[in-house]
Amino acid sequence: MNMAQNRFLKCPPALIQTFFVRAGAGNLHHTKKDPSNIVTGRVADVRPYIERAAAYIVPLRIGGGTRLKIYEAMAMEKAIVSTTIGAEGLPVKNGGDLLLADTAESFAEAVIRVLEDKALASDLGNRAAATVRSKFGWERVAECFGRICEDTLVRDRTGKVMCPTIGGSTIKQSKRVRPVAETQ
């Protein structure tokens, strides 16, 4: 065990309390022996747990699934420490939106840094929140959805909207289905 790991493991429970939320409780039986570890399993709402956390830790070593949990923590302005695999595919910057660390020593040191340096934790959380809101906030998502809808519609030479089909050709509106304005 190196110095950073040893320092991390010797932190008093008052400084480090670990919540295992949404984790398979069967895989974490060994963590239940330590009273500073709380294994919740699935919960109805993760926000109270994220809100209580001083940092959001993502120690994934094997990839798979989505990374939406990191977006939740980013939106709640939490300092995040993750492995590269844990944040794989996300538009985040190491040292800007979160801290990335892939060895046990560097990961432990990064966690200690955000727990001890409140200014760093605050800056990471604020930048992460700004990133997630600018790229995935309601305004941005609504704008993107509107463009998709507009791109899906096809207009003929007269400007009449036609419905596209899979093959790229279009199907004209049925004569039996008329817009409300034409039937009145």
Protein backbone atom coordinates (compact mmCIF):
# COMPACT_ATOMS: atom_id res chain seq x y z
CA MET A 1 0.00 0.00 0.00
CA ASN A 2 1.40 3.40 -0.95
CA MET A 3 1.30 6.62 1.09
CA ALA A 4 -1.78 8.11 -0.61
CA GLN A 5 -3.81 4.91 -0.23
CA ASN A 6 -2.69 4.55 3.38
CA ARG A 7 -3.58 8.20 4.09
CA PHE A 8 -6.98 7.76 2.46
CA LEU A 9 -7.77 4.57 4.38
CA LYS A 10 -6.72 6.15 7.69
CA CYS A 11 -9.02 9.15 7.28
CA PRO A 12 -11.40 9.30 10.25
CA PRO A 13 -15.00 8.18 9.56
CA ALA A 14 -16.12 11.74 10.35
CA LEU A 15 -14.25 12.86 7.22
CA ILE A 16 -15.19 10.00 4.94
CA GLN A 17 -18.56 8.34 4.94
CA THR A 18 -19.31 6.29 1.86
CA PHE A 19 -22.77 5.73 0.40
CA PHE A 20 -23.17 2.90 -2.09
CA VAL A 21 -26.32 4.03 -3.88
CA ARG A 22 -27.82 1.97 -6.74
CA ALA A 23 -25.06 -0.58 -6.35
CA GLY A 24 -25.74 -4.29 -6.28
CA ALA A 25 -25.80 -4.90 -2.54
CA GLY A 26 -24.79 -8.54 -3.04
CA ASN A 27 -21.46 -7.42 -4.48
CA LEU A 28 -20.71 -5.15 -1.52
CA HIS A 29 -21.08 -7.46 1.46
CA HIS A 30 -17.47 -6.82 2.51
CA THR A 31 -18.08 -3.05 2.74
CA LYS A 32 -20.87 -3.48 5.28
CA LYS A 33 -18.31 -4.43 7.94
CA ASP A 34 -17.09 -0.81 8.09
CA PRO A 35 -19.63 1.47 9.86
CA SER A 36 -18.56 4.42 7.68
CA ASN A 37 -19.92 2.55 4.62
CA ILE A 38 -23.66 2.74 4.06
CA VAL A 39 -25.05 0.41 1.39
CA THR A 40 -28.48 1.64 0.30
CA GLY A 41 -29.00 -0.39 -2.85
CA ARG A 42 -31.60 1.21 -5.12
CA VAL A 43 -33.32 4.35 -3.82
CA ALA A 44 -36.32 6.29 -5.12
CA ASP A 45 -34.37 9.55 -5.33
CA VAL A 46 -30.57 9.86 -5.38
CA ARG A 47 -30.54 13.64 -4.90
CA PRO A 48 -30.52 13.62 -1.07
CA TYR A 49 -27.46 11.36 -1.13
CA ILE A 50 -25.66 13.45 -3.73
CA GLU A 51 -26.56 16.64 -1.83
CA ARG A 52 -24.98 15.28 1.39
CA ALA A 53 -21.79 14.25 -0.40
CA ALA A 54 -18.64 16.35 -0.27
CA ALA A 55 -17.53 14.66 -3.50
CA TYR A 56 -18.89 12.21 -6.03
CA ILE A 57 -16.56 9.27 -6.57
CA VAL A 58 -16.66 7.04 -9.68
CA PRO A 59 -13.99 4.32 -9.33
CA LEU A 60 -15.05 2.25 -12.37
CA ARG A 61 -12.38 -0.06 -13.72
CA ILE A 62 -14.51 -1.83 -16.33
CA GLY A 63 -16.70 0.09 -18.76
CA GLY A 64 -20.32 -0.54 -19.61
CA GLY A 65 -23.65 1.23 -19.51
CA THR A 66 -24.31 4.93 -19.49
CA ARG A 67 -22.61 7.63 -17.48
CA LEU A 68 -25.77 9.51 -16.49
CA LYS A 69 -24.91 9.36 -12.81
CA ILE A 70 -21.99 11.70 -13.45
CA TYR A 71 -24.35 14.16 -15.17
CA GLU A 72 -26.57 14.09 -12.06
CA ALA A 73 -23.63 14.98 -9.83
CA MET A 74 -22.46 17.67 -12.29
CA ALA A 75 -25.91 19.28 -12.28
CA MET A 76 -25.81 19.34 -8.47
CA GLU A 77 -22.43 21.13 -8.50
CA LYS A 78 -20.49 18.31 -6.87
CA ALA A 79 -16.76 17.82 -7.18
CA ILE A 80 -16.24 14.56 -9.07
CA VAL A 81 -13.30 12.16 -9.03
CA SER A 82 -13.49 9.41 -11.63
CA THR A 83 -11.38 6.96 -13.51
CA THR A 84 -11.00 7.60 -17.23
CA ILE A 85 -13.31 4.65 -17.89
CA GLY A 86 -15.88 6.06 -15.46
CA ALA A 87 -16.15 9.27 -17.51
CA GLU A 88 -15.57 7.64 -20.90
CA GLY A 89 -17.47 9.33 -23.71
CA LEU A 90 -18.51 12.36 -21.69
CA PRO A 91 -17.59 15.88 -22.85
CA VAL A 92 -15.64 16.71 -19.68
CA LYS A 93 -12.19 18.13 -19.03
CA ASN A 94 -9.78 16.67 -16.50
CA GLY A 95 -8.94 19.40 -14.01
CA GLY A 96 -11.80 21.55 -15.29
CA ASP A 97 -15.06 19.69 -14.76
CA LEU A 98 -13.70 16.82 -12.67
CA LEU A 99 -10.51 15.02 -11.68
CA LEU A 100 -9.50 11.86 -13.52
CA ALA A 101 -7.18 9.31 -11.93
CA ASP A 102 -6.52 5.73 -12.95
CA THR A 103 -4.09 4.30 -10.41
CA ALA A 104 -5.02 3.53 -6.82
CA GLU A 105 -2.49 6.09 -5.58
CA SER A 106 -3.57 8.93 -7.90
CA PHE A 107 -7.25 8.18 -7.28
CA ALA A 108 -6.83 8.26 -3.49
CA GLU A 109 -4.80 11.49 -3.75
CA ALA A 110 -7.48 13.13 -5.94
CA VAL A 111 -10.23 12.20 -3.47
CA ILE A 112 -8.18 13.61 -0.58
CA ARG A 113 -7.54 16.83 -2.58
CA VAL A 114 -11.25 17.55 -3.13
CA LEU A 115 -12.11 16.67 0.47
CA GLU A 116 -9.42 18.92 1.93
CA ASP A 117 -9.42 21.79 -0.60
CA LYS A 118 -12.90 23.32 -0.42
CA ALA A 119 -12.05 25.98 -3.03
CA LEU A 120 -10.96 23.31 -5.52
CA ALA A 121 -14.10 21.27 -4.83
CA SER A 122 -16.29 24.34 -5.30
CA ASP A 123 -14.56 25.35 -8.54
CA LEU A 124 -14.83 21.83 -9.97
CA GLY A 125 -18.52 21.66 -9.03
CA ASN A 126 -19.32 25.08 -10.51
CA ARG A 127 -17.53 24.34 -13.79
CA ALA A 128 -19.14 20.90 -14.03
CA ALA A 129 -22.61 22.41 -13.52
CA ALA A 130 -21.95 25.08 -16.17
CA THR A 131 -20.82 22.39 -18.62
CA VAL A 132 -23.80 20.11 -18.10
CA ARG A 133 -26.29 22.99 -18.24
CA SER A 134 -24.83 24.50 -21.40
CA LYS A 135 -24.64 21.18 -23.24
CA PHE A 136 -27.63 19.28 -21.82
CA GLY A 137 -29.94 21.83 -20.16
CA TRP A 138 -33.60 22.14 -21.16
CA GLU A 139 -33.02 25.07 -23.51
CA ARG A 140 -30.31 23.22 -25.42
CA VAL A 141 -32.27 19.95 -25.55
CA ALA A 142 -35.45 21.72 -26.74
CA GLU A 143 -33.47 23.51 -29.46
CA CYS A 144 -31.93 20.23 -30.64
CA PHE A 145 -35.29 18.44 -30.59
CA GLY A 146 -36.85 21.26 -32.63
CA ARG A 147 -34.12 20.95 -35.26
CA ILE A 148 -34.67 17.20 -35.46
CA CYS A 149 -38.40 17.73 -35.96
CA GLU A 150 -37.82 20.37 -38.63
CA ASP A 151 -35.26 18.21 -40.43
CA THR A 152 -37.72 15.33 -40.42
CA LEU A 153 -40.34 17.30 -42.33
CA VAL A 154 -39.97 17.44 -46.10
CA ARG A 155 -41.57 20.12 -48.23
CA ASP A 156 -42.50 19.78 -51.88
CA ARG A 157 -41.93 22.54 -54.48
CA THR A 158 -45.08 24.39 -53.43
CA GLY A 159 -44.03 24.44 -49.80
CA LYS A 160 -46.58 21.82 -48.74
CA VAL A 161 -45.32 19.59 -45.92
CA MET A 162 -44.97 15.94 -46.84
CA CYS A 163 -44.18 13.04 -44.53
CA PRO A 164 -40.88 11.28 -45.24
CA THR A 165 -40.57 7.52 -45.49
CA ILE A 166 -37.65 5.25 -44.72
CA GLY A 167 -36.62 4.89 -48.36
CA GLY A 168 -36.16 8.62 -48.86
CA SER A 169 -39.28 9.08 -51.00
CA THR A 170 -42.30 10.86 -49.62
CA ILE A 171 -45.94 10.03 -49.18
CA LYS A 172 -48.45 12.78 -50.01
CA GLN A 173 -51.11 13.58 -47.46
CA SER A 174 -54.18 11.38 -47.78
CA LYS A 175 -57.25 13.05 -49.32
CA ARG A 176 -59.32 11.63 -46.47
CA VAL A 177 -57.25 13.44 -43.82
CA ARG A 178 -57.48 17.19 -44.25
CA PRO A 179 -56.20 19.95 -42.03
CA VAL A 180 -58.91 21.46 -39.79
CA ALA A 181 -58.80 24.81 -41.67
CA GLU A 182 -59.80 23.13 -44.96
CA THR A 183 -62.80 21.28 -43.53
CA GLN A 184 -64.57 24.32 -42.02
